[in-house]
Amino acid sequence: MTLDVVNGDNKKVGSVDLSDAVFSGPAKLDLVWESVVRQNASERRGTHMTKNRALVSGSGKKPYKQKGTGRAQVGSSRTPLWRHGGTVFGPQPRSYDYTVPKKVERGALRAALVAKFRDGAVTVVDELRAEAKKTKPTAELLKRLGAAGRTLVVDVKLDENFHASARNIAGVHMVASGRLTARDVMNTSRVIATRAAVERLQEVLG
């Protein structure tokens, strides 16, 4: 597979070859699902909590004597059987983070990129730089490159001026190639990547 490389004016200035061994296989969407679920779980705050009988307010004194009242025996007003009592086995603060094998993460990223390549939703540019920290010219540059809706910008190392200029543009998400995930790729309608980023990803995923 060969992709055209364009400049900031969206004019072809070269091409980049993609390895068939990396990007010609089927898009294994089950791996994408596993990667996305893992990443979503790792970002859960997990601060939910209910009070057990040790934490609810109330006296620990026995409400009434053990026998002779005709009522059920009870030792505390904090019992879970009573209203305003503690909760049994309620949710407690916890981490939902877990790991999956590195091969699964790489396979998921490869599958997500394959899906975008086949949909023609990837634009490869020679470089992404800005002369000054100004949003308007950067927005015009992205528009010429086909940015529409949710756009993912990928580079090996993001240019400081470009990053400062583009971070306020609605729908634009920027990420370094070394931190790219399958969720980043799938949660976008257009991917704009530099030639260096594509070559680095191909090297890592291969």
Protein backbone atom coordinates (compact mmCIF):
# COMPACT_ATOMS: atom_id res chain seq x y z
CA MET A 1 0.00 0.00 0.00
CA THR A 2 1.29 3.44 -0.92
CA LEU A 3 0.02 6.72 0.48
CA ASP A 4 0.59 10.16 -0.97
CA VAL A 5 2.48 12.68 1.15
CA VAL A 6 1.23 16.27 0.87
CA ASN A 7 2.46 19.63 2.07
CA GLY A 8 0.60 22.35 3.93
CA ASP A 9 -1.23 23.34 0.72
CA ASN A 10 -2.47 19.76 0.25
CA LYS A 11 -0.25 19.26 -2.80
CA LYS A 12 1.57 15.98 -3.34
CA VAL A 13 5.26 16.14 -2.56
CA GLY A 14 6.07 12.42 -2.27
CA SER A 15 4.77 9.07 -1.08
CA VAL A 16 5.25 6.61 1.75
CA ASP A 17 5.12 2.83 1.44
CA LEU A 18 3.19 0.81 4.01
CA SER A 19 4.29 -2.72 4.76
CA ASP A 20 1.80 -5.35 3.62
CA ALA A 21 2.87 -7.49 6.56
CA VAL A 22 1.62 -4.80 8.94
CA PHE A 23 -1.34 -3.14 7.24
CA SER A 24 -2.70 -5.67 4.75
CA GLY A 25 -4.31 -8.08 7.20
CA PRO A 26 -7.90 -8.05 8.44
CA ALA A 27 -9.01 -5.40 10.92
CA LYS A 28 -9.49 -7.39 14.12
CA LEU A 29 -12.15 -5.28 15.77
CA ASP A 30 -12.35 -7.59 18.79
CA LEU A 31 -8.87 -6.39 19.76
CA VAL A 32 -10.01 -2.80 19.34
CA TRP A 33 -12.92 -3.49 21.68
CA GLU A 34 -10.61 -4.95 24.33
CA SER A 35 -8.25 -1.98 24.14
CA VAL A 36 -11.01 0.62 24.27
CA VAL A 37 -12.75 -1.03 27.23
CA ARG A 38 -9.45 -1.25 29.13
CA GLN A 39 -8.66 2.41 28.52
CA ASN A 40 -12.14 3.52 29.54
CA ALA A 41 -11.94 1.44 32.71
CA SER A 42 -8.56 2.89 33.64
CA GLU A 43 -10.04 6.41 33.55
CA ARG A 44 -12.91 5.64 35.92
CA ARG A 45 -12.51 7.54 39.17
CA GLY A 46 -13.87 4.74 41.33
CA THR A 47 -14.81 7.08 44.20
CA HIS A 48 -18.25 5.54 44.83
CA MET A 49 -18.91 4.53 48.43
CA THR A 50 -21.70 3.49 50.78
CA LYS A 51 -21.56 3.40 54.59
CA ASN A 52 -21.53 0.10 56.40
CA ARG A 53 -22.80 -0.38 59.95
CA ALA A 54 -19.49 0.88 61.35
CA LEU A 55 -19.77 4.22 59.51
CA VAL A 56 -23.46 5.19 59.77
CA SER A 57 -24.48 7.54 62.56
CA GLY A 58 -26.30 6.06 65.51
CA SER A 59 -25.73 4.58 68.92
CA GLY A 60 -24.15 1.23 69.54
CA LYS A 61 -26.39 0.69 72.53
CA LYS A 62 -28.89 -2.17 72.48
CA PRO A 63 -32.25 -0.52 71.67
CA TYR A 64 -34.30 -2.66 74.09
CA LYS A 65 -33.89 -5.71 76.20
CA GLN A 66 -33.30 -9.09 74.63
CA LYS A 67 -36.48 -10.85 75.78
CA GLY A 68 -40.00 -10.13 76.85
CA THR A 69 -40.94 -7.42 74.36
CA GLY A 70 -42.41 -9.67 71.67
CA ARG A 71 -40.17 -8.01 69.11
CA ALA A 72 -37.28 -9.44 67.15
CA GLN A 73 -33.95 -9.53 68.93
CA VAL A 74 -31.66 -6.70 67.86
CA GLY A 75 -28.30 -5.48 69.12
CA SER A 76 -27.87 -2.07 67.47
CA SER A 77 -29.83 0.59 65.65
CA ARG A 78 -27.14 0.50 62.96
CA THR A 79 -28.15 -2.97 61.80
CA PRO A 80 -28.65 -3.25 58.05
CA LEU A 81 -32.13 -4.65 58.71
CA TRP A 82 -33.33 -1.29 59.97
CA ARG A 83 -34.01 1.94 58.10
CA HIS A 84 -30.98 4.24 58.16
CA GLY A 85 -28.81 1.27 58.99
CA GLY A 86 -25.58 0.31 57.28
CA THR A 87 -25.36 -1.12 53.77
CA VAL A 88 -24.20 -4.70 53.35
CA PHE A 89 -21.55 -5.29 50.66
CA GLY A 90 -22.05 -1.86 49.15
CA PRO A 91 -19.62 -0.30 46.67
CA GLN A 92 -16.32 0.92 48.08
CA PRO A 93 -13.58 3.09 46.52
CA ARG A 94 -11.55 1.00 44.13
CA SER A 95 -9.49 1.14 40.96
CA TYR A 96 -10.96 -0.29 37.76
CA ASP A 97 -7.59 -0.27 36.03
CA TYR A 98 -6.30 -3.51 34.58
CA THR A 99 -3.81 -4.53 31.95
CA VAL A 100 -3.94 -6.51 28.74
CA PRO A 101 -0.97 -8.05 26.91
CA LYS A 102 1.15 -5.64 24.87
CA LYS A 103 0.42 -7.71 21.76
CA VAL A 104 -3.28 -7.00 22.22
CA GLU A 105 -2.68 -3.24 22.48
CA ARG A 106 -0.46 -3.23 19.39
CA GLY A 107 -2.87 -5.43 17.47
CA ALA A 108 -5.73 -3.11 18.39
CA LEU A 109 -3.83 -0.04 17.21
CA ARG A 110 -2.87 -1.82 14.00
CA ALA A 111 -6.51 -2.83 13.37
CA ALA A 112 -7.76 0.70 14.02
CA LEU A 113 -5.21 2.17 11.59
CA VAL A 114 -6.06 -0.44 8.95
CA ALA A 115 -9.74 0.51 9.21
CA LYS A 116 -8.93 4.21 8.74
CA PHE A 117 -6.54 3.54 5.85
CA ARG A 118 -9.17 1.48 4.04
CA ASP A 119 -11.79 4.18 4.57
CA GLY A 120 -9.47 6.78 3.05
CA ALA A 121 -9.63 8.81 6.25
CA VAL A 122 -5.87 9.28 6.66
CA THR A 123 -3.89 12.24 5.35
CA VAL A 124 -0.10 12.05 5.46
CA VAL A 125 1.70 15.39 5.53
CA ASP A 126 5.42 16.06 5.28
CA GLU A 127 5.48 18.13 8.50
CA LEU A 128 3.22 20.08 10.84
CA ARG A 129 4.73 23.32 12.05
CA ALA A 130 3.57 26.83 12.87
CA GLU A 131 5.66 29.97 12.60
CA ALA A 132 3.82 31.64 15.48
CA LYS A 133 1.28 30.78 18.16
CA LYS A 134 -1.75 31.90 16.18
CA THR A 135 -4.92 29.87 15.86
CA LYS A 136 -6.33 31.27 12.61
CA PRO A 137 -3.53 30.20 10.21
CA THR A 138 -3.32 26.80 11.91
CA ALA A 139 -7.08 26.30 11.52
CA GLU A 140 -6.80 27.19 7.85
CA LEU A 141 -3.92 24.72 7.45
CA LEU A 142 -5.94 21.89 8.97
CA LYS A 143 -8.93 22.80 6.82
CA ARG A 144 -6.81 22.53 3.66
CA LEU A 145 -5.67 19.10 4.82
CA GLY A 146 -9.27 17.89 5.07
CA ALA A 147 -9.93 18.35 8.77
CA ALA A 148 -13.66 18.12 9.44
CA GLY A 149 -15.46 17.24 12.64
CA ARG A 150 -13.31 15.22 15.01
CA THR A 151 -9.74 15.28 13.73
CA LEU A 152 -6.74 13.45 15.14
CA VAL A 153 -3.30 14.97 14.59
CA VAL A 154 -0.33 12.62 15.07
CA ASP A 155 3.36 13.48 15.06
CA VAL A 156 6.47 11.94 16.57
CA LYS A 157 6.98 15.09 18.61
CA LEU A 158 4.43 17.87 18.41
CA ASP A 159 5.76 21.28 17.41
CA GLU A 160 5.34 23.70 20.32
CA ASN A 161 3.89 26.54 18.25
CA PHE A 162 1.58 24.22 16.33
CA HIS A 163 0.34 22.57 19.53
CA ALA A 164 -0.34 25.94 21.19
CA SER A 165 -2.16 27.17 18.07
CA ALA A 166 -4.33 24.09 17.52
CA ARG A 167 -5.31 23.08 21.03
CA ASN A 168 -8.20 25.57 21.11
CA ILE A 169 -9.71 24.40 17.82
CA ALA A 170 -12.92 22.49 18.42
CA GLY A 171 -12.77 18.83 17.50
CA VAL A 172 -8.98 18.69 17.10
CA HIS A 173 -7.11 16.19 19.26
CA MET A 174 -3.31 15.99 19.13
CA VAL A 175 -1.18 13.10 20.34
CA ALA A 176 2.41 11.94 19.93
CA SER A 177 2.86 8.70 18.02
CA GLY A 178 4.38 7.02 21.07
CA ARG A 179 1.18 7.59 23.08
CA LEU A 180 -1.32 6.79 20.34
CA THR A 181 -4.05 4.27 21.23
CA ALA A 182 -6.76 2.46 19.31
CA ARG A 183 -9.43 4.59 21.02
CA ASP A 184 -7.78 7.77 19.76
CA VAL A 185 -7.91 6.47 16.19
CA MET A 186 -11.44 5.10 16.27
CA ASN A 187 -12.90 8.15 18.02
CA THR A 188 -12.24 10.41 15.06
CA SER A 189 -13.41 10.96 11.51
CA ARG A 190 -10.11 12.17 10.04
CA VAL A 191 -6.49 11.32 10.89
CA ILE A 192 -3.73 13.75 9.90
CA ALA A 193 -0.28 12.26 10.50
CA THR A 194 3.21 13.30 9.54
CA ARG A 195 5.44 11.09 7.41
CA ALA A 196 7.75 10.59 10.40
CA ALA A 197 4.84 9.45 12.59
CA VAL A 198 3.62 6.93 10.01
CA GLU A 199 7.11 5.50 9.62
CA ARG A 200 7.56 5.28 13.39
CA LEU A 201 4.20 3.54 13.85
CA GLN A 202 5.02 1.09 11.07
CA GLU A 203 8.33 0.30 12.76
CA VAL A 204 6.73 -0.26 16.17
CA LEU A 205 3.74 -2.26 14.93
CA GLY A 206 5.84 -4.42 12.68
